[in-house]
Amino acid sequence: MIRWGEPAFSALLGGGYLALMTLVWAGLAAGVGRWGERWRLGPASPPEPAPRLSICIPARNEAGNIGACVRAALASDYPELEVVVVDDRSEDGTAEEVRTAAAGDPRLRVVEGTEPPPGWAGKPWACLRAAGESNGELLLFIDADVRIAPWAASAAVRRLTEGGLAMVSLFGDWDLRGFWERAVVPVVGWFIRGAVDLDAVNDRGRPEAFANGQFILVTREAYDAIDGHEAVAGEVLEDVRLARAFKRRALPTGLFRAPGAFSVRLYTSLREIVAGYTKNLYEGMDRQPLLAAGAVLFVFTSTLLPYLILLGVAVARLALGWHLAGPLWIGWLLVIIAMIHLFRWRLERHDGRSGWHALSHPLGNLIFCWILLRSLMVVESSWKGRRFVDGKAG
């Protein structure tokens, strides 16, 4: 019998771990290019006749983003269109940027925001205001840092009408510019996307629901049936909760991967990345501590531990003269690390970015682990001057 502490036990334990990691990373590297292919949405013309569409944009202190967002929305090829921007009490000239970008286009309307009532988060309140000020049969909610492609609204409306859906939401592209954005956002973003079962979400008979708040298209009839954003008034994750409200009322939803439909620059600094994902990640796990702890453990053991083991072996052999692992074990470990980088390289190429960003994968996952732990431990957070306690408006 193999006993604890014996060399055979250590070999069995180490071999089991390396075999498991080999299977995990070989599977991930092989499958990354197939994610979402069944639910891919590409360019399409609008249906005929085209229902009137209102693009609703909540904006709080978005002077650096809102101009490009509005210009892209007004450049849509959708024929029956209006754009409603709610300036959510901005202090940076957001409303002026909106009017400058619109250049007098009569399809644009700017609504002056008001302080949310008690119990309301800022974004749901602004979205409700935008919906109330709009005239469309369909409502498209997009964030102020989103730039939609000319065909995006038409393709989404066609999918919604032809599929008999009440909601369509899309995954678009990330606009990554700085080092920290390139290192961290794909790690966290693809962790979130990979955790979404598109088959289940798009199955009308199953309760799973998910929506991406960067692009949510709904019918006004369905939106009013659930009381609109009032159903998610105090939620920090109002997009996911809104999709759940639709499904609870048996209103069919669709979530699609749509490369090129829109781009979004989520964050511009490491500080923003940490703050933004801290308020969302634990809430996205329904505040289940065991699930969050399991996610941290998975990321650490699968992505960071191989590097730490290799570093420990190198220090032991080179600095201390210990022979903890033979060439076979070190070679196996290097193969696993190569597969980790192959996975990230394929992910980057899948998204149309340079594969060189794969070199930052260990660093990105180290920060991801810290964000997960911080999200789990932090009770109170803030975003754009608004306070949240345990995922609710404070």
Protein backbone atom coordinates (compact mmCIF):
# COMPACT_ATOMS: atom_id res chain seq x y z
CA MET A 1 0.00 0.00 0.00
CA ILE A 2 1.27 3.46 -0.93
CA ARG A 3 1.48 5.66 2.18
CA TRP A 4 1.46 9.41 2.70
CA GLY A 5 4.94 10.92 2.43
CA GLU A 6 6.45 8.06 0.46
CA PRO A 7 8.10 8.90 -2.90
CA ALA A 8 5.55 6.72 -4.72
CA PHE A 9 2.70 8.71 -3.18
CA SER A 10 4.29 12.00 -4.21
CA ALA A 11 4.80 10.68 -7.73
CA LEU A 12 1.18 9.52 -7.91
CA LEU A 13 -0.10 12.86 -6.63
CA GLY A 14 2.13 14.89 -8.94
CA GLY A 15 1.39 12.70 -11.93
CA GLY A 16 -2.34 12.92 -11.30
CA TYR A 17 -2.20 16.71 -11.15
CA LEU A 18 -0.13 16.99 -14.32
CA ALA A 19 -2.37 14.53 -16.17
CA LEU A 20 -5.46 16.50 -15.16
CA MET A 21 -3.89 19.79 -16.27
CA THR A 22 -2.88 18.23 -19.57
CA LEU A 23 -6.48 17.20 -20.26
CA VAL A 24 -7.88 20.56 -19.14
CA TRP A 25 -5.58 22.72 -21.25
CA ALA A 26 -5.63 20.44 -24.28
CA GLY A 27 -9.42 20.61 -24.24
CA LEU A 28 -9.52 24.38 -23.76
CA ALA A 29 -6.93 25.03 -26.47
CA ALA A 30 -8.78 22.77 -28.90
CA GLY A 31 -12.24 24.14 -28.16
CA VAL A 32 -11.74 27.89 -27.86
CA GLY A 33 -12.41 28.52 -31.54
CA ARG A 34 -15.77 26.75 -31.44
CA TRP A 35 -17.35 28.73 -28.60
CA GLY A 36 -20.60 30.36 -29.65
CA GLU A 37 -20.44 29.31 -33.30
CA ARG A 38 -23.95 27.87 -33.17
CA TRP A 39 -25.25 31.18 -31.85
CA ARG A 40 -23.28 33.52 -34.09
CA LEU A 41 -25.00 36.65 -35.44
CA GLY A 42 -23.68 38.40 -38.53
CA PRO A 43 -24.74 41.33 -40.72
CA ALA A 44 -28.33 41.33 -41.93
CA SER A 45 -30.84 43.79 -43.32
CA PRO A 46 -33.77 44.97 -41.20
CA PRO A 47 -37.15 43.25 -41.53
CA GLU A 48 -39.84 44.77 -43.72
CA PRO A 49 -41.74 46.62 -42.48
CA ALA A 50 -39.23 47.74 -39.88
CA PRO A 51 -40.72 48.48 -36.43
CA ARG A 52 -39.75 51.84 -35.02
CA LEU A 53 -36.61 51.52 -32.91
CA SER A 54 -35.45 53.68 -30.02
CA ILE A 55 -31.79 53.44 -29.02
CA CYS A 56 -31.64 54.30 -25.32
CA ILE A 57 -28.30 55.42 -23.87
CA PRO A 58 -27.79 56.17 -20.16
CA ALA A 59 -24.73 58.38 -19.70
CA ARG A 60 -23.09 59.59 -16.50
CA ASN A 61 -19.80 61.49 -16.83
CA GLU A 62 -19.13 59.97 -20.25
CA ALA A 63 -17.78 63.02 -22.11
CA GLY A 64 -14.85 60.97 -23.36
CA ASN A 65 -17.08 58.25 -24.84
CA ILE A 66 -20.51 59.57 -25.61
CA GLY A 67 -19.65 61.46 -28.81
CA ALA A 68 -18.41 58.35 -30.61
CA CYS A 69 -21.32 56.35 -29.20
CA VAL A 70 -23.93 58.78 -30.52
CA ARG A 71 -22.29 59.15 -33.92
CA ALA A 72 -22.21 55.37 -34.32
CA ALA A 73 -25.86 55.02 -33.27
CA LEU A 74 -26.99 57.70 -35.72
CA ALA A 75 -24.94 56.05 -38.50
CA SER A 76 -26.99 52.86 -38.17
CA ASP A 77 -28.56 51.61 -41.39
CA TYR A 78 -31.84 50.94 -39.57
CA PRO A 79 -34.57 53.00 -41.29
CA GLU A 80 -36.97 53.86 -38.44
CA LEU A 81 -34.72 55.15 -35.72
CA GLU A 82 -34.45 57.60 -32.84
CA VAL A 83 -31.71 58.00 -30.25
CA VAL A 84 -32.55 59.01 -26.68
CA VAL A 85 -29.67 59.92 -24.35
CA VAL A 86 -30.30 60.41 -20.65
CA ASP A 87 -27.63 62.69 -19.18
CA ASP A 88 -27.51 61.18 -15.71
CA ARG A 89 -26.52 64.35 -13.82
CA SER A 90 -23.07 64.43 -15.42
CA GLU A 91 -20.45 66.92 -14.28
CA ASP A 92 -18.10 66.73 -17.27
CA GLY A 93 -20.06 68.20 -20.18
CA THR A 94 -21.60 64.94 -21.38
CA ALA A 95 -24.76 66.64 -22.68
CA GLU A 96 -22.74 69.15 -24.70
CA GLU A 97 -20.72 66.34 -26.26
CA VAL A 98 -23.95 64.58 -27.23
CA ARG A 99 -25.34 67.63 -29.02
CA THR A 100 -22.04 68.31 -30.76
CA ALA A 101 -21.84 64.73 -31.99
CA ALA A 102 -25.44 64.78 -33.26
CA ALA A 103 -24.79 67.97 -35.27
CA GLY A 104 -28.46 68.88 -35.24
CA ASP A 105 -29.76 65.46 -36.28
CA PRO A 106 -33.51 65.55 -35.46
CA ARG A 107 -33.50 61.85 -34.55
CA LEU A 108 -31.62 62.63 -31.32
CA ARG A 109 -33.18 63.66 -28.04
CA VAL A 110 -31.28 64.54 -24.83
CA VAL A 111 -33.12 63.99 -21.56
CA GLU A 112 -31.94 65.65 -18.36
CA GLY A 113 -31.50 63.02 -15.68
CA THR A 114 -32.73 63.22 -12.13
CA GLU A 115 -31.50 61.71 -8.87
CA PRO A 116 -32.64 58.09 -8.55
CA PRO A 117 -35.42 57.49 -6.03
CA PRO A 118 -34.49 55.59 -2.84
CA GLY A 119 -33.65 51.98 -3.61
CA TRP A 120 -32.81 52.65 -7.26
CA ALA A 121 -29.38 52.28 -8.85
CA GLY A 122 -28.41 55.00 -11.28
CA LYS A 123 -28.32 52.99 -14.50
CA PRO A 124 -31.71 51.27 -14.17
CA TRP A 125 -33.31 54.62 -13.34
CA ALA A 126 -31.71 56.28 -16.37
CA CYS A 127 -32.77 53.37 -18.61
CA LEU A 128 -36.36 53.64 -17.36
CA ARG A 129 -36.32 57.38 -18.06
CA ALA A 130 -35.00 56.78 -21.58
CA ALA A 131 -37.68 54.18 -22.27
CA GLY A 132 -40.38 56.52 -20.99
CA GLU A 133 -39.18 59.35 -23.26
CA SER A 134 -38.92 57.18 -26.38
CA ASN A 135 -41.50 56.33 -29.04
CA GLY A 136 -40.22 53.04 -30.43
CA GLU A 137 -41.99 49.71 -30.60
CA LEU A 138 -38.55 48.27 -29.90
CA LEU A 139 -36.02 49.51 -27.34
CA LEU A 140 -32.28 49.01 -27.73
CA PHE A 141 -30.31 49.75 -24.56
CA ILE A 142 -26.59 50.33 -25.10
CA ASP A 143 -23.89 51.69 -22.83
CA ALA A 144 -22.26 55.06 -23.44
CA ASP A 145 -18.88 53.43 -24.20
CA VAL A 146 -20.32 51.22 -26.95
CA ARG A 147 -19.84 51.88 -30.68
CA ILE A 148 -22.35 49.86 -32.68
CA ALA A 149 -21.65 48.89 -36.29
CA PRO A 150 -24.08 50.22 -38.92
CA TRP A 151 -25.62 46.76 -39.34
CA ALA A 152 -25.89 45.79 -35.67
CA ALA A 153 -29.37 47.14 -34.92
CA SER A 154 -30.80 45.77 -38.18
CA ALA A 155 -29.38 42.29 -37.61
CA ALA A 156 -30.57 42.18 -34.00
CA VAL A 157 -34.07 43.33 -34.92
CA ARG A 158 -34.29 40.76 -37.69
CA ARG A 159 -33.22 37.97 -35.33
CA LEU A 160 -35.72 39.17 -32.72
CA THR A 161 -38.67 39.38 -35.11
CA GLU A 162 -37.94 36.22 -37.10
CA GLY A 163 -37.23 34.22 -33.93
CA GLY A 164 -40.31 35.45 -32.09
CA LEU A 165 -38.11 36.70 -29.26
CA ALA A 166 -38.85 39.31 -26.62
CA MET A 167 -35.18 40.10 -25.94
CA VAL A 168 -31.95 39.84 -27.92
CA SER A 169 -28.57 40.52 -26.33
CA LEU A 170 -25.15 40.38 -27.97
CA PHE A 171 -21.53 39.76 -27.11
CA GLY A 172 -19.45 42.13 -29.24
CA ASP A 173 -15.75 43.05 -29.27
CA TRP A 174 -13.51 44.62 -26.67
CA ASP A 175 -11.51 47.71 -27.59
CA LEU A 176 -8.25 47.09 -25.74
CA ARG A 177 -5.56 49.77 -25.84
CA GLY A 178 -3.39 49.88 -22.72
CA PHE A 179 -1.19 47.11 -21.33
CA TRP A 180 -3.45 46.32 -18.37
CA GLU A 181 -6.54 46.18 -20.56
CA ARG A 182 -4.86 43.65 -22.86
CA ALA A 183 -3.53 41.61 -19.95
CA VAL A 184 -6.61 41.42 -17.73
CA VAL A 185 -9.86 42.10 -19.62
CA PRO A 186 -9.69 39.01 -21.90
CA VAL A 187 -8.93 36.80 -18.89
CA VAL A 188 -11.93 38.02 -16.88
CA GLY A 189 -14.18 38.55 -19.89
CA TRP A 190 -13.67 35.08 -21.29
CA PHE A 191 -14.08 33.54 -17.84
CA ILE A 192 -17.53 35.15 -17.75
CA ARG A 193 -18.39 34.20 -21.33
CA GLY A 194 -17.12 30.67 -20.89
CA ALA A 195 -19.35 30.24 -17.84
CA VAL A 196 -22.46 31.09 -19.89
CA ASP A 197 -24.18 28.06 -21.42
CA LEU A 198 -25.60 29.58 -24.59
CA ASP A 199 -27.63 26.47 -25.37
CA ALA A 200 -29.35 26.69 -21.98
CA VAL A 201 -29.83 30.46 -22.10
CA ASN A 202 -31.40 30.25 -25.56
CA ASP A 203 -33.65 27.31 -24.62
CA ARG A 204 -37.14 28.64 -23.90
CA GLY A 205 -37.90 25.71 -21.64
CA ARG A 206 -34.96 26.22 -19.28
CA PRO A 207 -34.66 28.82 -16.50
CA GLU A 208 -31.05 29.89 -17.23
CA ALA A 209 -30.88 33.52 -18.32
CA PHE A 210 -28.16 35.98 -19.21
CA ALA A 211 -27.89 39.32 -20.97
CA ASN A 212 -24.98 41.63 -21.73
CA GLY A 213 -25.91 45.17 -20.70
CA GLN A 214 -23.76 46.65 -23.44
CA PHE A 215 -26.44 45.66 -25.99
CA ILE A 216 -29.97 44.63 -25.03
CA LEU A 217 -32.86 44.81 -27.52
CA VAL A 218 -36.41 44.29 -26.24
CA THR A 219 -39.96 44.72 -27.45
CA ARG A 220 -41.78 47.49 -25.62
CA GLU A 221 -44.70 45.16 -25.01
CA ALA A 222 -42.52 42.65 -23.17
CA TYR A 223 -40.57 45.38 -21.39
CA ASP A 224 -43.77 46.93 -20.06
CA ALA A 225 -45.10 43.50 -19.06
CA ILE A 226 -42.30 43.10 -16.50
CA ASP A 227 -42.52 46.76 -15.42
CA GLY A 228 -39.34 47.60 -17.27
CA HIS A 229 -36.24 48.42 -15.28
CA GLU A 230 -38.40 48.81 -12.18
CA ALA A 231 -38.10 45.02 -11.94
CA VAL A 232 -34.34 45.44 -11.38
CA ALA A 233 -34.37 48.88 -9.77
CA GLY A 234 -31.61 48.42 -7.19
CA GLU A 235 -29.45 45.84 -8.94
CA VAL A 236 -25.81 46.37 -9.82
CA LEU A 237 -26.16 43.53 -12.38
CA GLU A 238 -29.34 44.87 -13.87
CA ASP A 239 -28.71 43.24 -17.25
CA VAL A 240 -28.61 39.65 -15.99
CA ARG A 241 -31.50 40.27 -13.61
CA LEU A 242 -33.54 41.79 -16.44
CA ALA A 243 -33.05 38.65 -18.54
CA ARG A 244 -34.17 36.54 -15.60
CA ALA A 245 -37.28 38.68 -15.20
CA PHE A 246 -38.12 38.05 -18.86
CA LYS A 247 -37.66 34.30 -18.52
CA ARG A 248 -39.72 34.13 -15.33
CA ARG A 249 -42.61 35.56 -17.35
CA ALA A 250 -41.99 33.00 -20.13
CA LEU A 251 -40.82 35.77 -22.46
CA PRO A 252 -38.23 34.20 -24.82
CA THR A 253 -34.74 35.66 -24.87
CA GLY A 254 -31.73 35.17 -27.13
CA LEU A 255 -28.02 35.70 -26.44
CA PHE A 256 -25.69 35.70 -29.43
CA ARG A 257 -22.02 36.06 -30.23
CA ALA A 258 -21.75 38.89 -32.75
CA PRO A 259 -18.17 39.72 -33.78
CA GLY A 260 -18.00 43.17 -35.30
CA ALA A 261 -21.49 44.20 -34.15
CA PHE A 262 -20.07 46.64 -31.63
CA SER A 263 -16.91 47.48 -29.77
CA VAL A 264 -16.61 48.65 -26.19
CA ARG A 265 -13.75 50.00 -24.15
CA LEU A 266 -14.72 48.84 -20.70
CA TYR A 267 -11.92 50.37 -18.64
CA THR A 268 -8.93 52.62 -19.22
CA SER A 269 -6.69 51.77 -16.24
CA LEU A 270 -5.87 48.96 -13.84
CA ARG A 271 -7.68 50.84 -11.07
CA GLU A 272 -10.87 50.93 -13.17
CA ILE A 273 -10.51 47.26 -14.11
CA VAL A 274 -10.24 46.21 -10.46
CA ALA A 275 -13.08 48.47 -9.31
CA GLY A 276 -15.40 47.55 -12.17
CA TYR A 277 -15.04 43.80 -11.94
CA THR A 278 -15.02 43.87 -8.12
CA LYS A 279 -18.59 45.18 -8.06
CA ASN A 280 -19.78 42.64 -10.64
CA LEU A 281 -18.04 39.28 -10.25
CA TYR A 282 -19.37 38.07 -6.90
CA GLU A 283 -22.82 39.38 -7.72
CA GLY A 284 -22.65 37.46 -11.01
CA MET A 285 -22.14 34.29 -8.94
CA ASP A 286 -25.36 35.09 -7.04
CA ARG A 287 -23.22 35.88 -3.99
CA GLN A 288 -22.52 32.21 -3.37
CA PRO A 289 -19.28 32.06 -1.35
CA LEU A 290 -18.51 28.42 -2.18
CA LEU A 291 -18.89 29.09 -5.90
CA ALA A 292 -16.64 32.16 -5.67
CA ALA A 293 -14.04 30.28 -3.61
CA GLY A 294 -14.18 27.42 -6.12
CA ALA A 295 -13.55 29.86 -8.97
CA VAL A 296 -10.49 31.25 -7.19
CA LEU A 297 -9.22 27.73 -6.52
CA PHE A 298 -9.75 26.68 -10.13
CA VAL A 299 -7.95 29.70 -11.59
CA PHE A 300 -5.07 29.34 -9.13
CA THR A 301 -4.51 25.59 -9.48
CA SER A 302 -5.02 25.43 -13.25
CA THR A 303 -3.28 28.63 -14.37
CA LEU A 304 -0.88 29.87 -11.69
CA LEU A 305 0.23 26.74 -9.88
CA PRO A 306 2.17 25.26 -12.86
CA TYR A 307 4.34 28.39 -13.00
CA LEU A 308 4.85 28.37 -9.24
CA ILE A 309 5.88 24.70 -9.28
CA LEU A 310 8.33 25.35 -12.11
CA LEU A 311 9.74 28.36 -10.26
CA GLY A 312 10.08 26.33 -7.06
CA VAL A 313 11.86 23.50 -8.88
CA ALA A 314 14.22 25.96 -10.57
CA VAL A 315 15.11 27.65 -7.27
CA ALA A 316 15.59 24.31 -5.54
CA ARG A 317 17.86 22.93 -8.27
CA LEU A 318 19.87 26.03 -9.12
CA ALA A 319 20.12 27.83 -5.79
CA LEU A 320 19.90 25.02 -3.25
CA GLY A 321 21.23 22.07 -5.22
CA TRP A 322 18.16 19.94 -4.49
CA HIS A 323 16.93 17.52 -7.14
CA LEU A 324 13.20 17.68 -6.57
CA ALA A 325 12.14 16.69 -10.09
CA GLY A 326 13.76 14.88 -12.95
CA PRO A 327 13.84 15.91 -16.61
CA LEU A 328 10.62 13.99 -17.37
CA TRP A 329 8.61 15.89 -14.76
CA ILE A 330 10.09 19.25 -15.76
CA GLY A 331 9.42 18.53 -19.41
CA TRP A 332 5.82 17.57 -18.66
CA LEU A 333 5.35 20.79 -16.70
CA LEU A 334 6.77 22.82 -19.59
CA VAL A 335 4.35 21.12 -22.00
CA ILE A 336 1.42 22.17 -19.79
CA ILE A 337 2.68 25.76 -19.62
CA ALA A 338 3.05 25.74 -23.41
CA MET A 339 -0.58 24.59 -23.72
CA ILE A 340 -1.70 27.39 -21.39
CA HIS A 341 -0.05 29.92 -23.67
CA LEU A 342 -1.41 28.15 -26.75
CA PHE A 343 -4.91 28.52 -25.33
CA ARG A 344 -4.42 32.24 -24.74
CA TRP A 345 -2.81 32.66 -28.16
CA ARG A 346 -5.77 30.98 -29.86
CA LEU A 347 -8.16 33.09 -27.79
CA GLU A 348 -6.42 36.30 -28.85
CA ARG A 349 -6.41 35.25 -32.52
CA HIS A 350 -10.06 34.21 -32.20
CA ASP A 351 -10.82 37.79 -31.17
CA GLY A 352 -8.66 39.27 -33.93
CA ARG A 353 -5.82 40.47 -31.71
CA SER A 354 -2.09 39.82 -31.73
CA GLY A 355 -1.09 36.49 -30.24
CA TRP A 356 1.78 38.17 -28.39
CA HIS A 357 -0.67 39.16 -25.67
CA ALA A 358 -0.58 35.49 -24.60
CA LEU A 359 2.69 36.22 -22.80
CA SER A 360 0.77 38.26 -20.20
CA HIS A 361 -1.52 35.35 -19.30
CA PRO A 362 0.03 34.49 -15.90
CA LEU A 363 -0.01 38.14 -14.82
CA GLY A 364 -3.60 38.58 -15.98
CA ASN A 365 -4.70 35.53 -14.00
CA LEU A 366 -2.84 36.67 -10.90
CA ILE A 367 -4.79 39.95 -11.00
CA PHE A 368 -7.97 38.02 -11.78
CA CYS A 369 -7.52 35.94 -8.60
CA TRP A 370 -7.05 39.14 -6.62
CA ILE A 371 -10.21 40.65 -8.12
CA LEU A 372 -12.19 37.49 -7.33
CA LEU A 373 -11.03 37.53 -3.72
CA ARG A 374 -11.67 41.25 -3.42
CA SER A 375 -15.16 40.86 -4.91
CA LEU A 376 -15.87 38.11 -2.40
CA MET A 377 -14.67 40.14 0.59
CA VAL A 378 -15.78 43.69 -0.25
CA VAL A 379 -19.25 44.48 1.07
CA GLU A 380 -19.45 48.08 -0.11
CA SER A 381 -18.31 49.37 -3.50
CA SER A 382 -18.81 52.47 -5.62
CA TRP A 383 -18.94 53.25 -9.32
CA LYS A 384 -19.26 56.65 -10.97
CA GLY A 385 -20.03 58.19 -7.60
CA ARG A 386 -22.81 55.72 -6.78
CA ARG A 387 -22.66 53.44 -3.73
CA PHE A 388 -23.53 49.73 -3.67
CA VAL A 389 -23.85 47.46 -0.64
CA ASP A 390 -23.95 43.70 -1.21
CA GLY A 391 -24.73 44.24 -4.88
CA LYS A 392 -27.66 46.62 -4.26
CA ALA A 393 -27.94 50.37 -4.52
CA GLY A 394 -26.92 51.81 -1.16
